PDB file of N, CA and C in Angstrom:
ATOM      1  N   MET A   1     106.613-127.385 -87.214  1.00  0.00           N
ATOM      2  CA  MET A   1     106.104-127.599 -88.559  1.00  0.00           C
ATOM      3  C   MET A   1     105.566-129.015 -88.719  1.00  0.00           C
ATOM      4  N   SER A   2     106.126-129.976 -88.008  1.00  0.00           N
ATOM      5  CA  SER A   2     105.691-131.366 -88.191  1.00  0.00           C
ATOM      6  C   SER A   2     104.231-131.571 -87.807  1.00  0.00           C
ATOM      7  N   LYS A   3     103.661-130.644 -87.035  1.00  0.00           N
ATOM      8  CA  LYS A   3     102.243-130.785 -86.681  1.00  0.00           C
ATOM      9  C   LYS A   3     101.362-130.785 -87.917  1.00  0.00           C
ATOM     10  N   ASN A   4     101.824-130.166 -89.008  1.00  0.00           N
ATOM     11  CA  ASN A   4     101.064-130.151 -90.254  1.00  0.00           C
ATOM     12  C   ASN A   4     101.106-131.497 -90.969  1.00  0.00           C
ATOM     13  N   PHE A   5     102.058-132.338 -90.622  1.00  0.00           N
ATOM     14  CA  PHE A   5     102.246-133.619 -91.288  1.00  0.00           C
ATOM     15  C   PHE A   5     101.952-134.803 -90.383  1.00  0.00           C
ATOM     16  N   HIS A   6     101.834-134.578 -89.091  1.00  0.00           N
ATOM     17  CA  HIS A   6     101.720-135.661 -88.115  1.00  0.00           C
ATOM     18  C   HIS A   6     100.386-136.386 -88.244  1.00  0.00           C
ATOM     19  N   CYS A   7     100.424-137.549 -88.852  1.00  0.00           N
ATOM     20  CA  CYS A   7      99.271-138.430 -88.933  1.00  0.00           C
ATOM     21  C   CYS A   7      99.778-139.811 -89.343  1.00  0.00           C
ATOM     22  N   CYS A   8      98.978-140.813 -89.122  1.00  0.00           N
ATOM     23  CA  CYS A   8      99.404-142.187 -89.410  1.00  0.00           C
ATOM     24  C   CYS A   8      99.802-142.390 -90.863  1.00  0.00           C
ATOM     25  N   ALA A   9      99.112-141.769 -91.785  1.00  0.00           N
ATOM     26  CA  ALA A   9      99.383-141.991 -93.206  1.00  0.00           C
ATOM     27  C   ALA A   9     100.788-141.550 -93.615  1.00  0.00           C
ATOM     28  N   THR A  10     101.429-140.667 -92.845  1.00  0.00           N
ATOM     29  CA  THR A  10     102.773-140.201 -93.177  1.00  0.00           C
ATOM     30  C   THR A  10     103.857-140.919 -92.375  1.00  0.00           C
ATOM     31  N   CYS A  11     103.485-141.892 -91.578  1.00  0.00           N
ATOM     32  CA  CYS A  11     104.425-142.622 -90.723  1.00  0.00           C
ATOM     33  C   CYS A  11     104.977-143.853 -91.441  1.00  0.00           C
ATOM     34  N   GLN A  12     106.223-144.180 -91.163  1.00  0.00           N
ATOM     35  CA  GLN A  12     106.841-145.338 -91.810  1.00  0.00           C
ATOM     36  C   GLN A  12     106.263-146.667 -91.331  1.00  0.00           C
ATOM     37  N   HIS A  13     105.510-146.685 -90.263  1.00  0.00           N
ATOM     38  CA  HIS A  13     104.918-147.916 -89.743  1.00  0.00           C
ATOM     39  C   HIS A  13     103.495-148.164 -90.259  1.00  0.00           C
ATOM     40  N   TYR A  14     102.939-147.214 -91.008  1.00  0.00           N
ATOM     41  CA  TYR A  14     101.574-147.302 -91.534  1.00  0.00           C
ATOM     42  C   TYR A  14     101.534-148.276 -92.706  1.00  0.00           C
ATOM     43  N   ARG A  15     100.582-149.193 -92.668  1.00  0.00           N
ATOM     44  CA  ARG A  15     100.437-150.194 -93.731  1.00  0.00           C
ATOM     45  C   ARG A  15      98.996-150.258 -94.208  1.00  0.00           C
ATOM     46  N   ILE A  16      98.844-150.508 -95.495  1.00  0.00           N
ATOM     47  CA  ILE A  16      97.539-150.738 -96.089  1.00  0.00           C
ATOM     48  C   ILE A  16      97.510-152.195 -96.523  1.00  0.00           C
ATOM     49  N   LEU A  17      96.533-152.931 -96.030  1.00  0.00           N
ATOM     50  CA  LEU A  17      96.429-154.353 -96.319  1.00  0.00           C
ATOM     51  C   LEU A  17      95.160-154.637 -97.104  1.00  0.00           C
ATOM     52  N   LYS A  18      95.299-155.410 -98.156  1.00  0.00           N
ATOM     53  CA  LYS A  18      94.116-155.822 -98.918  1.00  0.00           C
ATOM     54  C   LYS A  18      93.665-157.169 -98.388  1.00  0.00           C
ATOM     55  N   THR A  19      92.396-157.230 -97.993  1.00  0.00           N
ATOM     56  CA  THR A  19      91.827-158.456 -97.456  1.00  0.00           C
ATOM     57  C   THR A  19      90.635-158.860 -98.326  1.00  0.00           C
ATOM     58  N   PRO A  20      90.167-160.079 -98.210  1.00  0.00           N
ATOM     59  CA  PRO A  20      88.996-160.487 -98.992  1.00  0.00           C
ATOM     60  C   PRO A  20      87.762-159.612 -98.729  1.00  0.00           C
ATOM     61  N   SER A  21      87.684-159.043 -97.532  1.00  0.00           N
ATOM     62  CA  SER A  21      86.526-158.210 -97.191  1.00  0.00           C
ATOM     63  C   SER A  21      86.751-156.726 -97.476  1.00  0.00           C
ATOM     64  N   GLY A  22      87.908-156.361 -98.019  1.00  0.00           N
ATOM     65  CA  GLY A  22      88.171-154.960 -98.328  1.00  0.00           C
ATOM     66  C   GLY A  22      89.587-154.565 -97.968  1.00  0.00           C
ATOM     67  N   THR A  23      89.767-153.302 -97.675  1.00  0.00           N
ATOM     68  CA  THR A  23      91.073-152.766 -97.335  1.00  0.00           C
ATOM     69  C   THR A  23      91.131-152.463 -95.844  1.00  0.00           C
ATOM     70  N   ALA A  24      92.246-152.812 -95.229  1.00  0.00           N
ATOM     71  CA  ALA A  24      92.454-152.519 -93.813  1.00  0.00           C
ATOM     72  C   ALA A  24      93.735-151.706 -93.681  1.00  0.00           C
ATOM     73  N   THR A  25      93.758-150.785 -92.723  1.00  0.00           N
ATOM     74  CA  THR A  25      94.955-149.998 -92.447  1.00  0.00           C
ATOM     75  C   THR A  25      95.379-150.280 -91.014  1.00  0.00           C
ATOM     76  N   ARG A  26      96.697-150.368 -90.809  1.00  0.00           N
ATOM     77  CA  ARG A  26      97.179-150.675 -89.466  1.00  0.00           C
ATOM     78  C   ARG A  26      98.558-150.089 -89.238  1.00  0.00           C
ATOM     79  N   CYS A  27      98.908-149.995 -87.979  1.00  0.00           N
ATOM     80  CA  CYS A  27     100.244-149.593 -87.558  1.00  0.00           C
ATOM     81  C   CYS A  27     101.015-150.875 -87.253  1.00  0.00           C
ATOM     82  N   ASP A  28     102.062-151.153 -88.019  1.00  0.00           N
ATOM     83  CA  ASP A  28     102.863-152.349 -87.778  1.00  0.00           C
ATOM     84  C   ASP A  28     103.591-152.293 -86.440  1.00  0.00           C
ATOM     85  N   ARG A  29     103.976-151.109 -86.019  1.00  0.00           N
ATOM     86  CA  ARG A  29     104.709-150.987 -84.759  1.00  0.00           C
ATOM     87  C   ARG A  29     103.815-151.280 -83.555  1.00  0.00           C
ATOM     88  N   LEU A  30     102.634-150.679 -83.541  1.00  0.00           N
ATOM     89  CA  LEU A  30     101.724-150.848 -82.409  1.00  0.00           C
ATOM     90  C   LEU A  30     100.835-152.082 -82.541  1.00  0.00           C
ATOM     91  N   GLY A  31     100.615-152.521 -83.785  1.00  0.00           N
ATOM     92  CA  GLY A  31      99.750-153.668 -84.012  1.00  0.00           C
ATOM     93  C   GLY A  31      98.272-153.316 -83.980  1.00  0.00           C
ATOM     94  N   TYR A  32      97.948-152.044 -84.116  1.00  0.00           N
ATOM     95  CA  TYR A  32      96.561-151.582 -84.082  1.00  0.00           C
ATOM     96  C   TYR A  32      96.039-151.338 -85.488  1.00  0.00           C
ATOM     97  N   GLU A  33      94.731-151.515 -85.668  1.00  0.00           N
ATOM     98  CA  GLU A  33      94.088-150.970 -86.854  1.00  0.00           C
ATOM     99  C   GLU A  33      94.018-149.469 -86.631  1.00  0.00           C
ATOM    100  N   THR A  34      94.180-148.720 -87.693  1.00  0.00           N
ATOM    101  CA  THR A  34      94.207-147.267 -87.574  1.00  0.00           C
ATOM    102  C   THR A  34      93.562-146.634 -88.794  1.00  0.00           C
ATOM    103  N   LYS A  35      93.430-145.362 -88.768  1.00  0.00           N
ATOM    104  CA  LYS A  35      92.915-144.576 -89.888  1.00  0.00           C
ATOM    105  C   LYS A  35      94.009-143.601 -90.318  1.00  0.00           C
ATOM    106  N   PRO A  36      94.007-143.154 -91.575  1.00  0.00           N
ATOM    107  CA  PRO A  36      95.074-142.269 -92.048  1.00  0.00           C
ATOM    108  C   PRO A  36      95.249-140.996 -91.229  1.00  0.00           C
ATOM    109  N   ALA A  37      94.177-140.423 -90.713  1.00  0.00           N
ATOM    110  CA  ALA A  37      94.268-139.151 -89.992  1.00  0.00           C
ATOM    111  C   ALA A  37      94.556-139.305 -88.497  1.00  0.00           C
ATOM    112  N   TYR A  38      94.588-140.516 -87.973  1.00  0.00           N
ATOM    113  CA  TYR A  38      94.872-140.717 -86.548  1.00  0.00           C
ATOM    114  C   TYR A  38      96.293-140.268 -86.234  1.00  0.00           C
ATOM    115  N   GLN A  39      96.526-139.953 -84.956  1.00  0.00           N
ATOM    116  CA  GLN A  39      97.849-139.550 -84.491  1.00  0.00           C
ATOM    117  C   GLN A  39      98.205-140.325 -83.229  1.00  0.00           C
ATOM    118  N   PHE A  40      99.426-140.837 -83.205  1.00  0.00           N
ATOM    119  CA  PHE A  40      99.961-141.495 -82.019  1.00  0.00           C
ATOM    120  C   PHE A  40     101.299-140.858 -81.681  1.00  0.00           C
ATOM    121  N   ASN A  41     101.733-140.975 -80.443  1.00  0.00           N
ATOM    122  CA  ASN A  41     102.984-140.356 -80.005  1.00  0.00           C
ATOM    123  C   ASN A  41     104.227-141.027 -80.585  1.00  0.00           C
ATOM    124  N   CYS A  42     104.076-142.199 -81.159  1.00  0.00           N
ATOM    125  CA  CYS A  42     105.230-142.916 -81.710  1.00  0.00           C
ATOM    126  C   CYS A  42     105.503-142.546 -83.165  1.00  0.00           C
ATOM    127  N   TRP A  43     104.872-141.522 -83.675  1.00  0.00           N
ATOM    128  CA  TRP A  43     104.981-141.124 -85.081  1.00  0.00           C
ATOM    129  C   TRP A  43     106.430-140.988 -85.503  1.00  0.00           C
ATOM    130  N   ASN A  44     106.765-141.648 -86.602  1.00  0.00           N
ATOM    131  CA  ASN A  44     108.094-141.580 -87.189  1.00  0.00           C
ATOM    132  C   ASN A  44     107.897-141.380 -88.689  1.00  0.00           C
ATOM    133  N   PRO A  45     108.104-140.159 -89.196  1.00  0.00           N
ATOM    134  CA  PRO A  45     107.741-139.859 -90.578  1.00  0.00           C
ATOM    135  C   PRO A  45     108.551-140.641 -91.605  1.00  0.00           C
ATOM    136  N   LYS A  46     107.908-140.905 -92.736  1.00  0.00           N
ATOM    137  CA  LYS A  46     108.584-141.529 -93.868  1.00  0.00           C
ATOM    138  C   LYS A  46     109.676-140.580 -94.358  1.00  0.00           C
ATOM    139  N   ASP A  47     110.657-141.119 -95.079  1.00  0.00           N
ATOM    140  CA  ASP A  47     111.778-140.305 -95.548  1.00  0.00           C
ATOM    141  C   ASP A  47     111.331-139.103 -96.376  1.00  0.00           C
ATOM    142  N   GLN A  48     110.408-139.319 -97.312  1.00  0.00           N
ATOM    143  CA  GLN A  48     109.983-138.204 -98.159  1.00  0.00           C
ATOM    144  C   GLN A  48     109.240-137.135 -97.362  1.00  0.00           C
ATOM    145  N   VAL A  49     108.555-137.526 -96.296  1.00  0.00           N
ATOM    146  CA  VAL A  49     107.866-136.561 -95.429  1.00  0.00           C
ATOM    147  C   VAL A  49     108.900-135.791 -94.613  1.00  0.00           C
ATOM    148  N   ARG A  50     109.907-136.477 -94.093  1.00  0.00           N
ATOM    149  CA  ARG A  50     110.981-135.824 -93.335  1.00  0.00           C
ATOM    150  C   ARG A  50     111.693-134.794 -94.209  1.00  0.00           C
ATOM    151  N   GLN A  51     111.952-135.129 -95.479  1.00  0.00           N
ATOM    152  CA  GLN A  51     112.601-134.189 -96.395  1.00  0.00           C
ATOM    153  C   GLN A  51     111.720-132.967 -96.633  1.00  0.00           C
ATOM    154  N   LEU A  52     110.428-133.162 -96.781  1.00  0.00           N
ATOM    155  CA  LEU A  52     109.513-132.044 -96.984  1.00  0.00           C
ATOM    156  C   LEU A  52     109.466-131.142 -95.745  1.00  0.00           C
ATOM    157  N   ILE A  53     109.439-131.741 -94.565  1.00  0.00           N
ATOM    158  CA  ILE A  53     109.445-130.971 -93.318  1.00  0.00           C
ATOM    159  C   ILE A  53     110.714-130.140 -93.241  1.00  0.00           C
ATOM    160  N   ASP A  54     111.860-130.764 -93.507  1.00  0.00           N
ATOM    161  CA  ASP A  54     113.145-130.051 -93.454  1.00  0.00           C
ATOM    162  C   ASP A  54     113.181-128.911 -94.459  1.00  0.00           C
ATOM    163  N   LYS A  55     112.677-129.157 -95.651  1.00  0.00           N
ATOM    164  CA  LYS A  55     112.662-128.128 -96.701  1.00  0.00           C
ATOM    165  C   LYS A  55     111.809-126.944 -96.273  1.00  0.00           C
ATOM    166  N   ARG A  56     110.650-127.210 -95.702  1.00  0.00           N
ATOM    167  CA  ARG A  56     109.752-126.124 -95.282  1.00  0.00           C
ATOM    168  C   ARG A  56     110.305-125.361 -94.075  1.00  0.00           C
ATOM    169  N   GLU A  57     111.029-126.052 -93.212  1.00  0.00           N
ATOM    170  CA  GLU A  57     111.620-125.376 -92.052  1.00  0.00           C
ATOM    171  C   GLU A  57     112.750-124.449 -92.473  1.00  0.00           C
ATOM    172  N   GLN A  58     113.429-124.782 -93.558  1.00  0.00           N
ATOM    173  CA  GLN A  58     114.525-123.938 -94.055  1.00  0.00           C
ATOM    174  C   GLN A  58     114.011-122.698 -94.764  1.00  0.00           C
ATOM    175  N   SER A  59     112.786-122.746 -95.245  1.00  0.00           N
ATOM    176  CA  SER A  59     112.232-121.583 -95.981  1.00  0.00           C
ATOM    177  C   SER A  59     111.857-120.452 -95.066  1.00  0.00           C
TER     178      SER A  59
END
């Protein structure tokens, strides 16, 4: 089920940074700039995403 949620935007390491030139998104763990829909093998879902995954798996 997590394949439906697996993306950078749902990971606890995903950050949105406001810069003078605009908005930047990055992975704090990897140190890379990223996009919300990207996927990396180090994905660790945010608590609310983990709860949603667990809820859907129980249904």
